[in-house]
Amino acid sequence: MSNTIVVGAQWGDEGKGKIVDYLTENTDVVVRAAGGNNAGHTVINNGTKYILHLIPSGILWEDKLCVIGNGVVMDVLGLIEEMNKLRGQGVKITPENLKISETAHLVMPYHKGLDKAREAKRGDKKIGTTGRGIGPAYADKVERCGLRAILLTQPEKLAEELRHRIESNNEFLREAGVDEVPVEETITQVLAAAKELAPHITNTAVICHEAIKAGKSLLFEGAQGTYLDIDHGTYPFVTSSNTTSGGACTGSGVPPRMIDKVVAVAKAYTTRVGSGPFITENDAIGDMLHNMGREFGATTGRARRCGWLDAVLVRYAVMINGADELAITNLDGLDGLDTIDICIAYKLRGETIHYPPSTIEDIEACEPIYETHQGWKQDLSQIKNFADLPDLAKAYLKRLEELTGARVSLLGVGPDRNQTLVA
């Protein structure tokens, strides 16, 4: 059985949740290896919308094992809220089908306060964080003062550590003019959550390796996208973790030699949420998509910034992630257009370049070089087979393969699970 990593090839929101959900049918274990609940995956099955933040999309399949890996920063109260909402939709969540790494770091309410205070302090240089406390939690991890999930099984020690952390962080929040975190109320809430989560806590690296030895297949679910990666993204307008394929290995304890395939997910156009440069941003495309009810964030509800497909970004993401295949989503979003542009290169101060620059100043100085394709002007949402796509849509996808160096293997022509075509 093969082990597959699914990553985003843009700035996140590429539809990875839908692709992971589709691939899960032939997978035994689904692993979330990085990020926090600042990421949102939306999966629609038989008209029902499920929004997941920390729990892997595989939870929607009853016979699959889901793992929250050591690379995740886990909002304890947020996870309980997510579990309750999914259970209300009929999803089964038990210690048998959801395992949480004992070394995953915890996001606490004071992390959210720190996040908001630091973002406010940046003024007009805001990064555009979701305010979910992800950056401060990863900062604590790197500073070697973070709280790990194993503490959820040690209530007395957890309460002692929490009291100390809340009181010390409240001093900073008070000085920053941000609401302080109530000490006793927060401890009571976290301890109640810990009691429910403790049976899920275990050494998930061992579980993953035992599954591989037993011949089972693993699917690693990416969070965000390549250009939000702390090392390879549009720094500093990035998240605080490694969102690329390497992060799936360090965030799960499964080594690279046990990975068989990487699938990079990209929309048929480009979007991003929050601040930062966006070379192919196009207000007209954004207005069109927003008027269609598309491109609003699953986590925040924010309208996403939209633009033409940037093949320069996708090509570089394919290289960085070692992607074998592309999954293209939202192709039906372009159905009504007479012509469709693809950015094939950048012009940077008179020089043509074929890769994204490393500094914000250079990225902001880039101008897109486009080639124009004729639109297919046909509703793709009802098509059930890849072979039945209009020739102009096939030509668009073929050109993406040529520009990126990866084969298009899956295609999304609508939000539902059954609106996924195999190439």
Protein backbone atom coordinates (compact mmCIF):
# COMPACT_ATOMS: atom_id res chain seq x y z
CA MET A 1 0.00 0.00 0.00
CA SER A 2 1.26 3.50 -0.76
CA ASN A 3 1.85 6.38 1.65
CA THR A 4 0.85 9.75 0.19
CA ILE A 5 1.37 13.35 1.26
CA VAL A 6 -1.18 15.96 0.13
CA VAL A 7 0.09 19.55 0.15
CA GLY A 8 -1.15 22.91 -1.02
CA ALA A 9 0.70 24.43 -3.96
CA GLN A 10 -0.47 28.00 -3.33
CA TRP A 11 -1.34 30.02 -0.19
CA GLY A 12 -3.72 27.48 1.28
CA ASP A 13 -7.47 27.15 0.70
CA GLU A 14 -6.75 25.06 -2.40
CA GLY A 15 -9.37 22.43 -1.56
CA LYS A 16 -7.04 19.95 0.14
CA GLY A 17 -9.83 18.78 2.43
CA LYS A 18 -11.90 17.67 -0.55
CA ILE A 19 -8.93 15.88 -2.15
CA VAL A 20 -7.96 14.18 1.12
CA ASP A 21 -11.57 13.13 1.65
CA TYR A 22 -11.66 11.64 -1.85
CA LEU A 23 -8.36 9.77 -1.44
CA THR A 24 -9.33 8.49 2.01
CA GLU A 25 -11.60 5.84 0.52
CA ASN A 26 -8.49 3.82 -0.40
CA THR A 27 -6.47 4.76 2.70
CA ASP A 28 -6.30 3.24 6.19
CA VAL A 29 -4.82 6.07 8.29
CA VAL A 30 -5.15 9.85 7.80
CA VAL A 31 -2.53 11.98 9.55
CA ARG A 32 -2.60 15.72 10.23
CA ALA A 33 1.05 16.67 10.76
CA ALA A 34 1.32 20.46 11.07
CA GLY A 35 -0.50 23.70 11.75
CA GLY A 36 -3.37 24.49 14.07
CA ASN A 37 -7.00 25.50 13.90
CA ASN A 38 -6.08 28.55 11.84
CA ALA A 39 -6.57 26.15 8.93
CA GLY A 40 -10.03 25.11 7.81
CA HIS A 41 -10.94 22.23 5.53
CA THR A 42 -14.42 22.17 4.03
CA VAL A 43 -15.79 18.85 2.80
CA ILE A 44 -19.23 18.51 1.23
CA ASN A 45 -20.76 15.04 1.00
CA ASN A 46 -24.31 14.45 -0.24
CA GLY A 47 -25.10 18.11 0.28
CA THR A 48 -23.89 18.22 3.91
CA LYS A 49 -21.05 20.63 4.67
CA TYR A 50 -18.45 19.60 7.23
CA ILE A 51 -15.85 22.15 8.38
CA LEU A 52 -12.75 20.70 10.01
CA HIS A 53 -9.92 22.59 11.67
CA LEU A 54 -7.79 20.17 13.68
CA ILE A 55 -9.39 16.79 13.06
CA PRO A 56 -8.24 15.07 9.84
CA SER A 57 -10.80 14.90 7.03
CA GLY A 58 -10.67 11.11 7.27
CA ILE A 59 -12.95 11.31 10.32
CA LEU A 60 -15.88 11.42 7.88
CA TRP A 61 -15.12 7.80 6.96
CA GLU A 62 -16.18 5.50 9.80
CA ASP A 63 -13.60 2.78 9.27
CA LYS A 64 -10.53 5.04 9.09
CA LEU A 65 -8.02 5.87 11.79
CA CYS A 66 -7.24 9.58 12.21
CA VAL A 67 -4.08 10.95 13.80
CA ILE A 68 -3.21 14.44 15.05
CA GLY A 69 0.58 14.37 14.87
CA ASN A 70 3.35 15.87 16.96
CA GLY A 71 3.84 18.78 14.54
CA VAL A 72 0.37 20.18 15.22
CA VAL A 73 -0.33 22.95 17.74
CA MET A 74 -3.66 22.01 19.25
CA ASP A 75 -6.21 24.42 20.67
CA VAL A 76 -7.63 22.30 23.48
CA LEU A 77 -10.92 24.18 23.83
CA GLY A 78 -11.22 24.59 20.07
CA LEU A 79 -10.80 20.84 19.53
CA ILE A 80 -13.60 20.04 21.98
CA GLU A 81 -15.86 22.53 20.19
CA GLU A 82 -14.99 20.96 16.83
CA MET A 83 -15.64 17.44 18.13
CA ASN A 84 -19.02 18.43 19.52
CA LYS A 85 -20.08 20.10 16.29
CA LEU A 86 -19.10 17.09 14.19
CA ARG A 87 -20.86 14.71 16.57
CA GLY A 88 -23.95 16.89 16.18
CA GLN A 89 -23.72 16.15 12.45
CA GLY A 90 -23.62 12.43 13.13
CA VAL A 91 -19.84 11.92 12.90
CA LYS A 92 -18.42 9.23 15.21
CA ILE A 93 -15.36 10.35 17.21
CA THR A 94 -13.88 7.97 19.77
CA PRO A 95 -10.45 7.19 21.26
CA GLU A 96 -10.37 4.28 18.82
CA ASN A 97 -10.65 6.35 15.62
CA LEU A 98 -8.91 9.59 16.72
CA LYS A 99 -5.41 9.48 18.20
CA ILE A 100 -3.55 12.57 19.42
CA SER A 101 0.22 12.75 19.73
CA GLU A 102 1.39 13.11 23.31
CA THR A 103 4.09 15.51 22.07
CA ALA A 104 1.80 17.85 20.12
CA HIS A 105 1.99 21.34 21.61
CA LEU A 106 -1.06 23.06 23.07
CA VAL A 107 -2.63 26.40 22.17
CA MET A 108 -4.05 28.10 25.24
CA PRO A 109 -6.30 31.17 25.54
CA TYR A 110 -3.36 33.40 26.45
CA HIS A 111 -1.72 32.52 23.13
CA LYS A 112 -4.69 34.09 21.34
CA GLY A 113 -4.31 37.26 23.40
CA LEU A 114 -0.61 37.41 22.59
CA ASP A 115 -1.39 36.89 18.89
CA LYS A 116 -3.84 39.78 18.78
CA ALA A 117 -1.56 42.07 20.80
CA ARG A 118 1.44 41.43 18.56
CA GLU A 119 -0.61 41.84 15.39
CA ALA A 120 -2.03 45.16 16.62
CA LYS A 121 1.48 46.36 17.45
CA ARG A 122 2.54 45.83 13.81
CA GLY A 123 0.17 48.58 12.69
CA ASP A 124 0.09 48.88 8.90
CA LYS A 125 2.60 46.02 8.63
CA LYS A 126 0.13 43.42 9.85
CA ILE A 127 0.75 39.86 8.70
CA GLY A 128 -2.96 39.07 8.63
CA THR A 129 -3.02 36.24 11.18
CA THR A 130 -6.32 34.65 12.19
CA GLY A 131 -5.71 35.56 15.83
CA ARG A 132 -5.92 31.89 16.82
CA GLY A 133 -2.67 31.92 18.81
CA ILE A 134 -0.72 29.73 16.40
CA GLY A 135 2.43 31.85 16.15
CA PRO A 136 2.80 32.36 19.93
CA ALA A 137 2.25 28.62 20.52
CA TYR A 138 4.98 27.69 18.03
CA ALA A 139 7.18 30.39 19.58
CA ASP A 140 6.78 28.72 22.97
CA LYS A 141 7.66 25.39 21.35
CA VAL A 142 10.88 26.79 19.87
CA GLU A 143 11.67 28.62 23.11
CA ARG A 144 11.32 25.22 24.83
CA CYS A 145 8.68 26.43 27.23
CA GLY A 146 5.58 25.03 25.54
CA LEU A 147 2.91 22.80 27.03
CA ARG A 148 2.51 19.39 25.37
CA ALA A 149 -0.51 17.13 25.03
CA ILE A 150 0.87 14.60 27.52
CA LEU A 151 -0.03 17.16 30.22
CA LEU A 152 -3.70 16.54 29.46
CA THR A 153 -3.24 13.19 31.21
CA GLN A 154 -1.69 14.87 34.30
CA PRO A 155 -4.42 17.24 35.61
CA GLU A 156 -2.64 18.43 38.76
CA LYS A 157 0.54 19.33 36.91
CA LEU A 158 -1.49 20.86 34.08
CA ALA A 159 -3.38 23.13 36.50
CA GLU A 160 -0.13 24.25 38.14
CA GLU A 161 1.56 25.01 34.81
CA LEU A 162 -1.51 26.81 33.48
CA ARG A 163 -1.85 29.04 36.51
CA HIS A 164 1.77 30.14 36.22
CA ARG A 165 1.59 30.72 32.43
CA ILE A 166 -1.69 32.63 32.53
CA GLU A 167 -0.58 34.92 35.35
CA SER A 168 2.78 35.72 33.71
CA ASN A 169 1.25 36.30 30.26
CA ASN A 170 -1.54 38.45 31.70
CA GLU A 171 1.11 41.00 32.66
CA PHE A 172 2.01 41.44 28.98
CA LEU A 173 -1.64 41.48 27.89
CA ARG A 174 -2.46 44.13 30.47
CA GLU A 175 0.38 46.35 29.26
CA ALA A 176 -0.70 45.80 25.63
CA GLY A 177 -4.28 46.81 26.39
CA VAL A 178 -5.67 43.37 25.53
CA ASP A 179 -8.22 41.58 27.71
CA GLU A 180 -6.58 39.40 30.33
CA VAL A 181 -7.32 35.67 30.53
CA PRO A 182 -9.41 34.72 33.59
CA VAL A 183 -7.21 32.35 35.59
CA GLU A 184 -9.55 30.03 37.48
CA GLU A 185 -12.26 29.95 34.82
CA THR A 186 -9.72 29.01 32.15
CA ILE A 187 -8.15 26.29 34.31
CA THR A 188 -11.59 24.79 34.96
CA GLN A 189 -12.42 24.78 31.23
CA VAL A 190 -9.08 23.26 30.21
CA LEU A 191 -9.22 20.56 32.88
CA ALA A 192 -12.71 19.56 31.71
CA ALA A 193 -11.43 19.37 28.13
CA ALA A 194 -8.37 17.41 29.27
CA LYS A 195 -10.56 14.78 30.91
CA GLU A 196 -12.35 14.18 27.61
CA LEU A 197 -9.19 14.27 25.47
CA ALA A 198 -6.90 12.18 27.70
CA PRO A 199 -8.08 8.79 26.33
CA HIS A 200 -7.03 9.95 22.83
CA ILE A 201 -3.45 10.83 23.86
CA THR A 202 -0.72 8.37 22.85
CA ASN A 203 2.59 7.95 21.00
CA THR A 204 1.28 8.40 17.46
CA ALA A 205 4.68 7.89 15.82
CA VAL A 206 4.56 4.28 17.04
CA ILE A 207 1.00 3.90 15.74
CA CYS A 208 2.01 5.17 12.29
CA HIS A 209 5.00 2.83 12.07
CA GLU A 210 2.98 -0.16 13.25
CA ALA A 211 0.38 0.60 10.58
CA ILE A 212 3.07 0.71 7.88
CA LYS A 213 4.56 -2.58 9.09
CA ALA A 214 1.09 -4.11 8.90
CA GLY A 215 0.85 -3.12 5.24
CA LYS A 216 -1.62 -0.30 5.77
CA SER A 217 -1.57 2.94 3.79
CA LEU A 218 -1.14 6.42 5.28
CA LEU A 219 -2.42 9.69 3.91
CA PHE A 220 -0.79 12.85 5.26
CA GLU A 221 -3.10 15.85 5.25
CA GLY A 222 -1.42 19.20 4.68
CA ALA A 223 -2.47 22.43 6.34
CA GLN A 224 -2.28 25.80 4.57
CA GLY A 225 -0.06 25.87 1.46
CA THR A 226 3.52 26.00 0.22
CA TYR A 227 3.71 29.80 0.22
CA LEU A 228 2.71 29.97 3.87
CA ASP A 229 5.63 27.71 4.80
CA ILE A 230 7.89 29.34 7.40
CA ASP A 231 10.98 28.50 5.29
CA HIS A 232 9.76 28.50 1.70
CA GLY A 233 6.83 30.92 1.76
CA THR A 234 6.45 34.66 1.19
CA TYR A 235 8.14 35.51 4.49
CA PRO A 236 7.14 37.21 6.76
CA PHE A 237 3.58 36.81 5.45
CA VAL A 238 3.57 33.13 6.34
CA THR A 239 2.39 30.78 9.06
CA SER A 240 4.65 29.41 11.80
CA SER A 241 5.11 25.83 10.62
CA ASN A 242 6.47 23.83 7.69
CA THR A 243 3.49 23.37 5.40
CA THR A 244 5.49 21.62 2.68
CA SER A 245 5.94 17.86 2.31
CA GLY A 246 8.98 17.75 4.60
CA GLY A 247 6.77 18.99 7.43
CA ALA A 248 4.60 15.89 7.08
CA CYS A 249 7.61 13.75 8.02
CA THR A 250 8.88 15.81 10.95
CA GLY A 251 5.33 16.39 12.14
CA SER A 252 4.44 12.70 12.25
CA GLY A 253 7.66 10.79 12.91
CA VAL A 254 7.40 8.95 9.60
CA PRO A 255 10.69 9.22 7.66
CA PRO A 256 10.94 10.38 4.01
CA ARG A 257 11.96 6.94 2.73
CA MET A 258 8.52 5.63 3.71
CA ILE A 259 6.71 8.18 1.52
CA ASP A 260 5.65 6.90 -1.90
CA LYS A 261 3.89 9.87 -3.48
CA VAL A 262 3.23 13.59 -3.08
CA VAL A 263 0.09 15.20 -4.51
CA ALA A 264 0.11 19.00 -4.79
CA VAL A 265 -3.30 20.68 -4.79
CA ALA A 266 -3.91 23.92 -6.68
CA LYS A 267 -6.96 25.87 -7.67
CA ALA A 268 -7.51 26.59 -11.34
CA TYR A 269 -6.91 30.20 -10.32
CA THR A 270 -5.09 31.72 -7.32
CA THR A 271 -6.34 32.98 -3.96
CA ARG A 272 -4.85 34.12 -0.70
CA VAL A 273 -6.17 35.38 2.64
CA GLY A 274 -4.57 38.11 4.68
CA SER A 275 -1.71 40.45 3.89
CA GLY A 276 1.26 39.93 1.61
CA PRO A 277 2.20 40.26 -2.05
CA PHE A 278 0.03 38.68 -4.73
CA ILE A 279 1.41 39.14 -8.23
CA THR A 280 -1.61 37.93 -10.22
CA GLU A 281 -4.29 39.51 -8.01
CA ASN A 282 -7.23 40.70 -10.10
CA ASP A 283 -10.21 42.54 -8.64
CA ALA A 284 -12.51 41.55 -11.50
CA ILE A 285 -11.83 37.86 -10.93
CA GLY A 286 -12.39 38.35 -7.21
CA ASP A 287 -15.72 40.13 -7.77
CA MET A 288 -16.86 37.36 -10.13
CA LEU A 289 -16.02 34.58 -7.67
CA HIS A 290 -17.43 36.38 -4.63
CA ASN A 291 -20.67 37.06 -6.51
CA MET A 292 -20.85 33.33 -7.19
CA GLY A 293 -20.71 32.78 -3.41
CA ARG A 294 -17.18 31.40 -3.62
CA GLU A 295 -13.89 32.21 -1.90
CA PHE A 296 -14.80 32.99 1.67
CA GLY A 297 -12.55 31.52 4.37
CA ALA A 298 -13.75 28.40 6.21
CA THR A 299 -12.09 29.56 9.44
CA THR A 300 -12.73 33.31 9.46
CA GLY A 301 -15.34 33.92 6.76
CA ARG A 302 -13.03 36.55 5.26
CA ALA A 303 -13.35 37.17 1.54
CA ARG A 304 -10.26 35.76 -0.16
CA ARG A 305 -8.16 37.80 -2.54
CA CYS A 306 -8.35 36.29 -6.02
CA GLY A 307 -6.41 36.33 -9.29
CA TRP A 308 -5.33 34.38 -12.34
CA LEU A 309 -3.48 31.11 -11.97
CA ASP A 310 0.20 31.73 -11.21
CA ALA A 311 2.04 28.80 -12.82
CA VAL A 312 5.36 30.18 -11.56
CA LEU A 313 4.23 29.54 -7.99
CA VAL A 314 2.80 26.11 -8.73
CA ARG A 315 5.90 25.01 -10.65
CA TYR A 316 8.17 26.01 -7.76
CA ALA A 317 5.84 24.30 -5.27
CA VAL A 318 6.00 21.10 -7.33
CA MET A 319 9.80 21.27 -7.11
CA ILE A 320 9.98 22.06 -3.36
CA ASN A 321 7.49 19.34 -2.43
CA GLY A 322 8.72 16.71 -4.87
CA ALA A 323 5.17 16.45 -6.17
CA ASP A 324 4.39 13.64 -8.58
CA GLU A 325 0.84 14.71 -9.32
CA LEU A 326 -1.42 17.74 -9.33
CA ALA A 327 -4.99 17.87 -8.12
CA ILE A 328 -6.68 20.88 -9.72
CA THR A 329 -9.77 22.15 -7.93
CA ASN A 330 -12.49 24.70 -8.73
CA LEU A 331 -12.05 24.42 -12.49
CA ASP A 332 -15.78 25.10 -12.76
CA GLY A 333 -15.17 28.55 -11.28
CA LEU A 334 -13.84 29.61 -14.69
CA ASP A 335 -16.82 28.27 -16.67
CA GLY A 336 -18.26 31.65 -17.64
CA LEU A 337 -15.11 33.31 -18.96
CA ASP A 338 -14.45 34.09 -22.63
CA THR A 339 -10.69 34.09 -22.07
CA ILE A 340 -8.49 32.81 -19.25
CA ASP A 341 -5.00 34.03 -18.41
CA ILE A 342 -2.13 32.00 -16.94
CA CYS A 343 0.95 33.68 -15.50
CA ILE A 344 3.93 31.86 -17.03
CA ALA A 345 6.80 34.08 -15.82
CA TYR A 346 7.57 37.36 -14.05
CA LYS A 347 9.25 40.54 -15.19
CA LEU A 348 11.51 41.83 -12.40
CA ARG A 349 13.14 45.19 -13.14
CA GLY A 350 13.43 44.37 -16.82
CA GLU A 351 14.54 40.75 -16.37
CA THR A 352 12.32 37.75 -17.08
CA ILE A 353 12.43 35.22 -14.24
CA HIS A 354 10.75 31.83 -13.82
CA TYR A 355 10.81 31.40 -10.04
CA PRO A 356 9.46 33.43 -7.10
CA PRO A 357 12.01 35.84 -5.56
CA SER A 358 12.92 35.49 -1.90
CA THR A 359 12.27 39.03 -0.66
CA ILE A 360 8.98 40.86 -0.34
CA GLU A 361 10.51 43.89 -2.06
CA ASP A 362 11.39 41.84 -5.14
CA ILE A 363 8.04 40.04 -5.21
CA GLU A 364 6.20 43.35 -5.04
CA ALA A 365 8.33 44.64 -7.92
CA CYS A 366 7.40 41.69 -10.15
CA GLU A 367 4.96 42.04 -13.02
CA PRO A 368 3.11 38.98 -14.33
CA ILE A 369 3.72 37.74 -17.86
CA TYR A 370 0.52 36.15 -19.12
CA GLU A 371 -0.54 33.89 -21.91
CA THR A 372 -4.22 33.88 -22.80
CA HIS A 373 -6.38 30.82 -23.42
CA GLN A 374 -9.86 30.57 -24.87
CA GLY A 375 -12.53 29.75 -22.29
CA TRP A 376 -14.76 26.68 -22.69
CA LYS A 377 -17.98 28.55 -21.77
CA GLN A 378 -19.67 25.39 -20.55
CA ASP A 379 -20.98 24.16 -17.19
CA LEU A 380 -18.52 21.55 -15.95
CA SER A 381 -20.27 20.78 -12.66
CA GLN A 382 -22.37 17.93 -14.05
CA ILE A 383 -19.55 16.15 -15.87
CA LYS A 384 -18.79 12.73 -14.37
CA ASN A 385 -15.80 11.58 -16.45
CA PHE A 386 -12.55 13.33 -17.31
CA ALA A 387 -12.86 12.19 -20.93
CA ASP A 388 -16.10 14.16 -21.26
CA LEU A 389 -14.51 17.52 -20.53
CA PRO A 390 -14.66 20.05 -23.37
CA ASP A 391 -11.50 20.16 -25.46
CA LEU A 392 -10.68 23.70 -24.38
CA ALA A 393 -10.76 22.67 -20.70
CA LYS A 394 -8.49 19.71 -21.49
CA ALA A 395 -6.13 22.06 -23.32
CA TYR A 396 -5.99 24.35 -20.27
CA LEU A 397 -5.09 21.42 -18.01
CA LYS A 398 -2.53 20.11 -20.50
CA ARG A 399 -0.84 23.49 -20.49
CA LEU A 400 -0.71 23.44 -16.69
CA GLU A 401 1.07 20.09 -16.84
CA GLU A 402 3.61 21.51 -19.29
CA LEU A 403 4.22 24.60 -17.17
CA THR A 404 4.51 22.84 -13.81
CA GLY A 405 6.13 19.51 -14.67
CA ALA A 406 3.53 17.45 -12.82
CA ARG A 407 0.67 15.31 -14.12
CA VAL A 408 -2.92 16.32 -13.39
CA SER A 409 -4.39 13.24 -11.71
CA LEU A 410 -7.51 14.61 -10.03
CA LEU A 411 -9.90 17.39 -10.97
CA GLY A 412 -12.56 19.18 -8.95
CA VAL A 413 -15.59 20.50 -10.85
CA GLY A 414 -17.72 21.28 -7.81
CA PRO A 415 -17.61 21.13 -4.01
CA ASP A 416 -19.23 17.73 -3.47
CA ARG A 417 -17.25 14.53 -3.04
CA ASN A 418 -18.80 13.07 -6.20
CA GLN A 419 -17.71 16.10 -8.26
CA THR A 420 -14.15 14.79 -8.44
CA LEU A 421 -12.82 13.45 -11.72
CA VAL A 422 -9.92 11.03 -12.14
CA ALA A 423 -7.65 11.88 -15.07
